[in-house]
N, C-alpha and C. Protein backbone atom coordinates (compact mmCIF):
# COMPACT_ATOMS: atom_id res chain seq x y z
N MET A 1 0.99 -1.24 -0.02
CA MET A 1 0.03 0.07 0.05
C MET A 1 0.82 1.17 -0.02
N ILE A 2 0.63 2.16 -0.75
CA ILE A 2 1.32 3.44 -0.90
C ILE A 2 0.80 4.38 0.10
N LEU A 3 1.83 4.82 0.89
CA LEU A 3 1.45 5.88 2.05
C LEU A 3 1.52 7.31 1.41
N PHE A 4 2.50 7.66 0.76
CA PHE A 4 2.90 8.88 0.42
C PHE A 4 4.04 8.61 -0.86
N SER A 5 3.83 9.64 -1.77
CA SER A 5 4.68 9.73 -2.94
C SER A 5 4.90 10.99 -3.44
N ASP A 6 6.03 11.64 -3.82
CA ASP A 6 6.35 12.87 -4.49
C ASP A 6 7.45 12.41 -5.69
N ALA A 7 8.13 13.42 -6.10
CA ALA A 7 8.90 13.32 -7.23
C ALA A 7 10.18 12.50 -6.57
N ASP A 8 10.60 12.67 -5.41
CA ASP A 8 11.83 12.09 -4.94
C ASP A 8 11.74 10.70 -3.94
N ILE A 9 10.50 10.59 -3.52
CA ILE A 9 10.55 9.32 -2.45
C ILE A 9 9.20 8.73 -2.84
N LEU A 10 9.01 7.45 -2.42
CA LEU A 10 7.98 6.59 -2.31
C LEU A 10 7.95 5.69 -0.89
N VAL A 11 6.71 6.07 -0.29
CA VAL A 11 6.74 5.57 1.17
C VAL A 11 5.61 4.39 0.85
N ILE A 12 5.89 3.42 1.40
CA ILE A 12 4.99 2.16 1.27
C ILE A 12 4.90 1.49 2.58
N ASP A 13 3.81 0.51 2.70
CA ASP A 13 3.75 -0.29 3.78
C ASP A 13 3.85 -1.74 3.46
N LYS A 14 5.26 -2.08 3.62
CA LYS A 14 5.45 -3.46 3.18
C LYS A 14 4.92 -4.45 3.83
N PRO A 15 4.29 -5.40 3.38
CA PRO A 15 3.72 -6.54 3.88
C PRO A 15 4.63 -7.75 4.41
N SER A 16 4.34 -8.44 5.45
CA SER A 16 5.23 -9.37 5.68
C SER A 16 5.23 -10.40 4.82
N GLY A 17 6.22 -11.25 4.72
CA GLY A 17 6.58 -12.30 3.53
C GLY A 17 7.28 -11.69 2.17
N LEU A 18 7.44 -10.41 2.10
CA LEU A 18 7.88 -9.83 0.78
C LEU A 18 9.22 -9.46 0.99
N LEU A 19 10.12 -9.75 0.15
CA LEU A 19 11.68 -9.28 0.54
C LEU A 19 11.92 -8.08 -0.12
N ALA A 20 12.72 -7.26 0.74
CA ALA A 20 13.09 -6.01 0.46
C ALA A 20 14.08 -5.87 -0.61
N ILE A 21 14.89 -6.88 -0.59
CA ILE A 21 15.94 -6.94 -1.71
C ILE A 21 16.14 -8.33 -2.18
N PRO A 22 16.71 -8.62 -3.30
CA PRO A 22 16.76 -9.99 -3.88
C PRO A 22 17.54 -11.18 -2.89
N ASP A 23 16.89 -12.47 -2.81
CA ASP A 23 17.29 -13.30 -2.05
C ASP A 23 18.81 -13.77 -2.69
N GLY A 24 19.70 -13.91 -1.76
CA GLY A 24 21.00 -14.48 -2.31
C GLY A 24 21.03 -15.90 -2.79
N TYR A 25 19.98 -16.73 -2.30
CA TYR A 25 20.16 -18.07 -2.65
C TYR A 25 18.97 -18.22 -3.89
N ASP A 26 17.89 -17.61 -3.76
CA ASP A 26 16.98 -17.62 -5.27
C ASP A 26 16.66 -16.30 -5.67
N PRO A 27 17.39 -15.91 -6.48
CA PRO A 27 17.26 -14.35 -6.93
C PRO A 27 15.76 -14.25 -7.66
N SER A 28 15.14 -15.57 -8.04
CA SER A 28 13.87 -15.38 -8.85
C SER A 28 12.66 -14.96 -7.91
N LEU A 29 13.07 -15.09 -6.53
CA LEU A 29 11.70 -14.75 -5.48
C LEU A 29 11.30 -13.25 -5.71
N PRO A 30 9.99 -13.02 -5.50
CA PRO A 30 9.41 -11.67 -5.73
C PRO A 30 10.08 -10.87 -4.51
N THR A 31 10.48 -9.42 -4.92
CA THR A 31 10.86 -8.47 -4.07
C THR A 31 10.07 -7.42 -4.20
N LEU A 32 10.29 -6.51 -3.32
CA LEU A 32 9.49 -5.08 -3.28
C LEU A 32 9.68 -4.36 -4.53
N LEU A 33 11.04 -4.18 -5.02
CA LEU A 33 11.26 -3.51 -6.17
C LEU A 33 10.52 -4.13 -7.45
N SER A 34 10.59 -5.54 -7.49
CA SER A 34 9.94 -6.16 -8.68
C SER A 34 8.46 -6.04 -8.79
N VAL A 35 7.78 -6.03 -7.48
CA VAL A 35 6.32 -5.61 -7.25
C VAL A 35 6.07 -4.22 -7.63
N LEU A 36 6.86 -3.32 -7.41
CA LEU A 36 6.49 -1.97 -7.68
C LEU A 36 6.95 -1.40 -8.99
N ALA A 37 7.83 -1.91 -9.48
CA ALA A 37 8.54 -1.37 -10.86
C ALA A 37 7.55 -1.24 -11.90
N PRO A 38 6.52 -2.14 -12.06
CA PRO A 38 5.61 -2.16 -13.34
C PRO A 38 4.76 -0.54 -13.23
N GLU A 39 4.70 -0.15 -11.93
CA GLU A 39 3.74 0.97 -11.86
C GLU A 39 4.63 2.29 -11.53
N TRP A 40 5.70 2.15 -10.80
CA TRP A 40 6.51 3.08 -10.40
C TRP A 40 8.06 3.52 -10.92
N GLY A 41 8.35 2.36 -11.90
CA GLY A 41 9.57 2.52 -12.59
C GLY A 41 10.73 2.09 -11.75
N ARG A 42 12.08 2.80 -11.97
CA ARG A 42 12.98 2.36 -11.14
C ARG A 42 12.86 3.04 -9.79
N LEU A 43 13.14 2.21 -8.70
CA LEU A 43 13.21 2.71 -7.45
C LEU A 43 14.63 2.29 -6.76
N PHE A 44 15.04 3.02 -5.86
CA PHE A 44 16.13 2.58 -5.00
C PHE A 44 15.83 2.34 -3.56
N VAL A 45 16.33 1.23 -3.06
CA VAL A 45 16.16 0.89 -1.69
C VAL A 45 16.93 1.59 -0.71
N VAL A 46 16.62 2.27 0.20
CA VAL A 46 17.16 2.98 1.24
C VAL A 46 17.49 2.26 2.58
N HIS A 47 16.61 1.56 2.95
CA HIS A 47 16.87 0.65 4.06
C HIS A 47 16.01 -0.60 3.94
N ARG A 48 16.16 -1.56 4.80
CA ARG A 48 15.46 -2.62 4.53
C ARG A 48 14.52 -3.31 5.90
N LEU A 49 13.52 -3.93 5.78
CA LEU A 49 12.77 -4.77 6.73
C LEU A 49 13.00 -6.31 6.42
N ASP A 50 13.14 -7.04 7.39
CA ASP A 50 13.39 -8.43 7.08
C ASP A 50 12.05 -8.90 6.52
N LYS A 51 12.18 -10.10 5.78
CA LYS A 51 11.14 -10.72 4.93
C LYS A 51 9.87 -10.75 5.83
N ASP A 52 10.01 -11.29 6.85
CA ASP A 52 8.70 -11.57 7.82
C ASP A 52 8.35 -10.18 8.63
N THR A 53 8.82 -9.07 8.28
CA THR A 53 8.54 -8.12 9.17
C THR A 53 7.73 -7.19 8.20
N SER A 54 6.65 -6.56 8.56
CA SER A 54 5.80 -5.66 7.82
C SER A 54 6.30 -4.13 8.44
N GLY A 55 5.79 -3.29 7.67
CA GLY A 55 6.02 -1.83 8.12
C GLY A 55 6.33 -0.92 7.24
N VAL A 56 6.60 0.16 7.56
CA VAL A 56 6.91 1.50 6.62
C VAL A 56 8.23 1.42 6.14
N MET A 57 8.29 1.38 4.65
CA MET A 57 9.68 1.55 4.01
C MET A 57 9.78 2.81 3.13
N LEU A 58 10.87 3.51 3.05
CA LEU A 58 11.08 4.62 2.38
C LEU A 58 11.95 4.25 1.20
N LEU A 59 11.41 4.41 -0.06
CA LEU A 59 12.35 4.16 -1.32
C LEU A 59 12.54 5.56 -1.92
N ALA A 60 13.64 5.45 -2.54
CA ALA A 60 14.12 6.88 -3.37
C ALA A 60 13.71 6.68 -4.84
N ARG A 61 13.15 7.80 -5.28
CA ARG A 61 12.90 7.71 -6.73
C ARG A 61 13.85 8.28 -7.85
N THR A 62 15.10 8.71 -7.32
CA THR A 62 16.13 9.42 -8.03
C THR A 62 17.32 9.09 -7.44
N ALA A 63 18.32 9.04 -8.02
CA ALA A 63 19.78 8.69 -7.69
C ALA A 63 20.10 9.71 -6.63
N ALA A 64 19.75 10.85 -6.79
CA ALA A 64 20.10 12.04 -5.72
C ALA A 64 19.35 11.99 -4.55
N ALA A 65 18.02 11.60 -4.54
CA ALA A 65 17.33 11.31 -3.58
C ALA A 65 17.85 10.16 -2.53
N HIS A 66 18.35 9.04 -3.42
CA HIS A 66 18.77 7.85 -2.70
C HIS A 66 20.20 8.34 -1.84
N ARG A 67 21.00 8.99 -2.57
CA ARG A 67 22.27 9.48 -1.87
C ARG A 67 22.12 10.30 -0.65
N GLN A 68 21.12 11.25 -0.83
CA GLN A 68 20.81 12.20 0.52
C GLN A 68 20.12 11.24 1.74
N LEU A 69 19.20 10.29 1.26
CA LEU A 69 18.55 9.55 2.16
C LEU A 69 19.72 8.35 2.98
N CYS A 70 20.30 7.95 2.20
CA CYS A 70 21.49 7.09 2.71
C CYS A 70 22.29 7.69 3.74
N LEU A 71 22.59 8.93 3.43
CA LEU A 71 23.66 9.68 4.21
C LEU A 71 22.83 10.06 5.53
N GLN A 72 21.42 10.41 5.41
CA GLN A 72 20.75 10.52 6.79
C GLN A 72 20.66 9.22 7.51
N PHE A 73 20.48 8.02 6.90
CA PHE A 73 20.51 6.72 7.55
C PHE A 73 21.84 6.57 8.38
N ALA A 74 22.77 6.94 7.45
CA ALA A 74 24.14 6.55 8.05
C ALA A 74 24.62 7.33 9.23
N ALA A 75 23.97 8.56 9.18
CA ALA A 75 24.29 9.69 10.26
C ALA A 75 23.32 9.35 11.43
N HIS A 76 22.48 8.40 11.20
CA HIS A 76 21.30 8.02 12.42
C HIS A 76 20.60 9.16 12.64
N SER A 77 20.17 9.92 11.91
CA SER A 77 19.59 10.99 11.94
C SER A 77 17.97 10.64 11.51
N VAL A 78 17.84 9.35 11.30
CA VAL A 78 16.18 8.97 11.00
C VAL A 78 16.04 8.19 12.27
N ARG A 79 14.68 8.33 12.69
CA ARG A 79 14.28 7.71 14.07
C ARG A 79 13.31 6.61 13.40
N LYS A 80 13.67 5.26 14.03
CA LYS A 80 12.76 4.12 13.58
C LYS A 80 12.24 3.75 14.82
N VAL A 81 10.87 3.46 14.74
CA VAL A 81 10.07 2.95 15.78
C VAL A 81 9.44 1.75 15.49
N TYR A 82 9.44 0.55 16.10
CA TYR A 82 8.91 -0.68 15.76
C TYR A 82 7.91 -1.13 17.11
N ALA A 83 6.71 -1.55 16.59
CA ALA A 83 5.82 -2.23 17.73
C ALA A 83 6.26 -3.82 17.56
N ALA A 84 6.32 -4.30 18.75
CA ALA A 84 6.71 -5.67 19.11
C ALA A 84 5.68 -6.25 20.10
N LEU A 85 4.87 -7.08 19.67
CA LEU A 85 4.00 -7.93 20.59
C LEU A 85 4.68 -9.03 21.11
N CYS A 86 5.09 -9.06 22.42
CA CYS A 86 6.04 -9.96 23.13
C CYS A 86 5.02 -10.81 24.26
N ALA A 87 5.70 -12.03 24.19
CA ALA A 87 5.06 -12.84 25.22
C ALA A 87 5.82 -12.39 26.63
N GLY A 88 4.98 -12.47 27.71
CA GLY A 88 5.52 -11.99 29.07
C GLY A 88 5.14 -10.67 29.40
N ALA A 89 5.54 -10.41 30.82
CA ALA A 89 5.17 -9.14 31.46
C ALA A 89 6.47 -8.71 32.13
N PRO A 90 7.26 -7.62 31.57
CA PRO A 90 8.26 -7.31 32.30
C PRO A 90 8.12 -6.44 33.36
N ASP A 91 9.24 -6.49 34.38
CA ASP A 91 8.96 -5.70 35.61
C ASP A 91 9.48 -4.22 35.39
N TRP A 92 9.87 -4.02 34.09
CA TRP A 92 10.48 -2.45 33.85
C TRP A 92 9.25 -2.03 32.83
N THR A 93 9.27 -0.67 32.62
CA THR A 93 8.55 0.20 31.83
C THR A 93 9.20 0.67 30.66
N GLU A 94 10.56 1.00 31.09
CA GLU A 94 11.60 1.77 29.84
C GLU A 94 12.92 1.09 30.14
N ARG A 95 13.61 0.71 28.90
CA ARG A 95 14.90 0.11 29.17
C ARG A 95 15.69 0.29 27.99
N VAL A 96 17.09 0.78 28.19
CA VAL A 96 17.82 0.83 27.01
C VAL A 96 18.82 -0.63 27.14
N ILE A 97 18.61 -1.29 26.00
CA ILE A 97 19.47 -2.58 25.72
C ILE A 97 20.69 -2.23 25.03
N ASP A 98 21.89 -2.22 25.73
CA ASP A 98 23.03 -2.01 25.12
C ASP A 98 24.12 -2.95 25.13
N LEU A 99 23.75 -4.13 24.28
CA LEU A 99 24.23 -5.36 24.55
C LEU A 99 24.97 -5.72 22.95
N PRO A 100 26.18 -6.35 22.96
CA PRO A 100 26.75 -6.58 21.60
C PRO A 100 26.03 -7.79 21.09
N LEU A 101 25.80 -7.62 19.95
CA LEU A 101 25.28 -8.94 18.97
C LEU A 101 26.28 -9.39 17.90
N ARG A 102 25.91 -10.57 17.48
CA ARG A 102 26.73 -11.29 16.49
C ARG A 102 25.68 -11.69 15.46
N VAL A 103 25.68 -11.38 14.38
CA VAL A 103 24.64 -11.85 13.19
C VAL A 103 25.15 -13.06 12.76
N ASN A 104 24.15 -13.96 12.57
CA ASN A 104 24.74 -15.41 12.09
C ASN A 104 25.60 -16.18 13.18
N GLY A 105 25.22 -15.99 14.46
CA GLY A 105 26.31 -16.36 15.68
C GLY A 105 26.22 -17.71 15.95
N ASP A 106 25.00 -18.62 15.40
CA ASP A 106 25.03 -20.00 15.95
C ASP A 106 24.55 -20.89 14.87
N ARG A 107 24.58 -22.05 15.06
CA ARG A 107 24.31 -23.03 13.89
C ARG A 107 23.00 -22.74 13.13
N ARG A 108 22.21 -22.13 13.65
CA ARG A 108 20.88 -21.76 13.15
C ARG A 108 20.74 -20.54 12.51
N HIS A 109 22.21 -19.84 12.43
CA HIS A 109 22.19 -18.36 11.83
C HIS A 109 21.38 -17.36 12.39
N ARG A 110 21.23 -17.46 13.79
CA ARG A 110 20.32 -16.37 14.48
C ARG A 110 21.46 -15.44 14.87
N THR A 111 20.80 -14.14 15.09
CA THR A 111 21.72 -13.17 15.72
C THR A 111 21.53 -13.26 17.31
N VAL A 112 22.84 -13.43 17.99
CA VAL A 112 22.97 -13.72 19.31
C VAL A 112 23.94 -12.70 20.03
N LEU A 113 23.67 -12.80 21.50
CA LEU A 113 24.59 -11.96 22.20
C LEU A 113 25.95 -12.65 22.23
N ASP A 114 27.01 -11.70 22.13
CA ASP A 114 28.36 -12.06 22.08
C ASP A 114 29.40 -11.31 22.50
N MET A 115 29.48 -11.33 23.87
CA MET A 115 30.34 -10.35 24.47
C MET A 115 31.94 -10.09 24.03
N GLU A 116 32.31 -10.90 23.43
CA GLU A 116 33.46 -11.02 22.87
C GLU A 116 33.68 -10.46 21.44
N ARG A 117 32.97 -11.11 20.63
CA ARG A 117 33.05 -10.82 19.24
C ARG A 117 31.92 -10.13 18.49
N GLY A 118 30.83 -9.67 19.32
CA GLY A 118 29.81 -8.99 18.77
C GLY A 118 29.93 -7.74 18.42
N LYS A 119 29.22 -6.89 17.77
CA LYS A 119 29.33 -5.65 17.44
C LYS A 119 28.46 -4.76 18.31
N PRO A 120 28.82 -3.49 18.79
CA PRO A 120 28.06 -2.79 19.82
C PRO A 120 26.62 -2.44 19.11
N ALA A 121 25.52 -2.78 19.90
CA ALA A 121 24.00 -2.82 19.38
C ALA A 121 23.43 -1.98 20.55
N ARG A 122 22.27 -1.14 20.18
CA ARG A 122 21.61 -0.45 21.30
C ARG A 122 20.20 -0.34 20.78
N THR A 123 19.40 -0.97 21.82
CA THR A 123 17.69 -0.57 21.31
C THR A 123 17.12 -0.03 22.43
N GLU A 124 16.37 0.97 22.44
CA GLU A 124 15.65 1.51 23.40
C GLU A 124 14.29 1.06 23.40
N ALA A 125 13.66 0.40 24.51
CA ALA A 125 12.53 -0.10 24.58
C ALA A 125 11.41 0.54 25.66
N ALA A 126 10.30 0.60 25.27
CA ALA A 126 9.24 1.08 26.33
C ALA A 126 8.12 0.11 26.19
N VAL A 127 7.33 -0.32 27.46
CA VAL A 127 6.19 -1.11 27.24
C VAL A 127 5.04 -0.06 27.08
N ALA A 128 4.51 -0.10 26.07
CA ALA A 128 3.23 0.84 25.58
C ALA A 128 1.95 0.18 26.19
N ARG A 129 1.91 -1.10 26.30
CA ARG A 129 0.69 -1.66 26.98
C ARG A 129 0.78 -3.09 27.61
N ARG A 130 0.26 -3.35 28.67
CA ARG A 130 0.25 -4.62 29.26
C ARG A 130 -0.99 -5.27 28.99
N LEU A 131 -0.88 -6.57 28.43
CA LEU A 131 -2.00 -7.52 28.38
C LEU A 131 -2.01 -8.69 29.15
N ASP A 132 -2.82 -9.67 29.07
CA ASP A 132 -2.63 -10.88 29.85
C ASP A 132 -1.77 -11.66 29.23
N GLY A 133 -0.51 -11.91 29.99
CA GLY A 133 0.51 -12.56 29.76
C GLY A 133 1.23 -11.94 28.36
N PHE A 134 1.04 -10.93 27.90
CA PHE A 134 1.72 -10.27 26.67
C PHE A 134 2.06 -8.80 27.02
N CYS A 135 2.74 -8.26 26.16
CA CYS A 135 2.86 -6.72 26.33
C CYS A 135 3.22 -6.28 24.87
N LEU A 136 2.84 -5.15 24.77
CA LEU A 136 3.24 -4.35 23.37
C LEU A 136 4.52 -3.41 23.73
N VAL A 137 5.47 -3.45 23.10
CA VAL A 137 6.65 -2.90 23.25
C VAL A 137 6.85 -1.94 22.16
N GLU A 138 7.29 -0.74 22.42
CA GLU A 138 7.77 0.16 21.30
C GLU A 138 9.30 0.18 21.44
N ALA A 139 9.77 -0.34 20.30
CA ALA A 139 11.16 -0.51 20.23
C ALA A 139 11.89 0.39 19.43
N ARG A 140 13.08 0.98 19.64
CA ARG A 140 13.61 2.01 18.85
C ARG A 140 15.12 1.58 18.85
N PRO A 141 15.37 0.86 17.58
CA PRO A 141 16.62 0.67 17.35
C PRO A 141 17.77 1.82 17.06
N CYS A 142 18.91 1.89 17.69
CA CYS A 142 19.74 2.90 17.62
C CYS A 142 21.09 2.34 16.36
N THR A 143 20.97 1.03 16.37
CA THR A 143 21.90 0.58 15.53
C THR A 143 20.91 -0.35 14.45
N GLY A 144 21.33 -1.08 13.45
CA GLY A 144 20.28 -1.71 12.65
C GLY A 144 20.86 -3.08 12.32
N TYR A 145 20.91 -4.14 13.34
CA TYR A 145 21.34 -5.32 12.76
C TYR A 145 20.26 -6.26 12.59
N THR A 146 20.55 -7.28 11.82
CA THR A 146 19.51 -8.26 11.47
C THR A 146 18.90 -8.83 12.84
N HIS A 147 17.52 -8.73 12.91
CA HIS A 147 17.01 -9.43 14.22
C HIS A 147 17.36 -8.72 15.34
N GLN A 148 17.92 -7.51 15.25
CA GLN A 148 18.45 -6.81 16.61
C GLN A 148 17.34 -6.69 17.66
N ILE A 149 15.94 -6.29 17.24
CA ILE A 149 15.14 -6.19 18.10
C ILE A 149 14.56 -7.45 18.70
N ARG A 150 14.38 -8.56 18.10
CA ARG A 150 14.16 -9.73 18.58
C ARG A 150 15.13 -10.33 19.72
N ALA A 151 16.42 -10.18 19.12
CA ALA A 151 17.52 -10.56 19.90
C ALA A 151 17.54 -9.98 21.28
N HIS A 152 17.51 -8.61 21.31
CA HIS A 152 17.48 -7.85 22.31
C HIS A 152 16.32 -8.08 23.40
N LEU A 153 15.15 -8.06 22.96
CA LEU A 153 14.04 -8.46 23.81
C LEU A 153 13.97 -9.58 24.41
N ALA A 154 14.60 -10.70 23.53
CA ALA A 154 14.61 -12.49 23.90
C ALA A 154 15.55 -12.34 25.12
N LEU A 155 16.53 -11.50 25.35
CA LEU A 155 17.54 -11.52 26.28
C LEU A 155 17.01 -11.14 27.43
N PHE A 156 15.97 -10.30 27.63
CA PHE A 156 15.13 -9.99 28.70
C PHE A 156 13.90 -10.55 28.89
N GLY A 157 13.71 -11.80 28.36
CA GLY A 157 12.71 -12.62 28.58
C GLY A 157 11.27 -12.33 27.89
N LEU A 158 11.54 -11.68 26.69
CA LEU A 158 10.40 -10.99 25.93
C LEU A 158 10.45 -11.63 24.50
N PRO A 159 10.12 -13.01 24.20
CA PRO A 159 10.24 -13.35 22.93
C PRO A 159 9.01 -12.83 22.29
């Protein structure tokens, strides 16, 4: 679904199950760009969401817009907010999770805590709502590693 467009950007609501970029093992799988290209022409991916993650994505419509947006993401001047429905009920309301993560850190290729070889990773989390056995967490990743939010929240008992 298109949320906004102008001459420089396209903002969409990416559905779960659609790849943001081509799959390294099977490049024939549909991607965001292949689905949008027939109507919107050439687009440039500025950032990614995991295949199974739905949410707002920003795409550039020109090379100049792509350059500028990538610089903003690199400088961390873009604020990203995720809603995560988690099992459990933490005893905290807000927390900064500042623990190193290693992508593909185990045999199942999961992102894991690694105090020795992990890269610095920071997620700010706030419980937005408590439900019966569940909670809705607002997560703001300050770094952007694959499955960072899932890994950080799981370390605090919130799968």
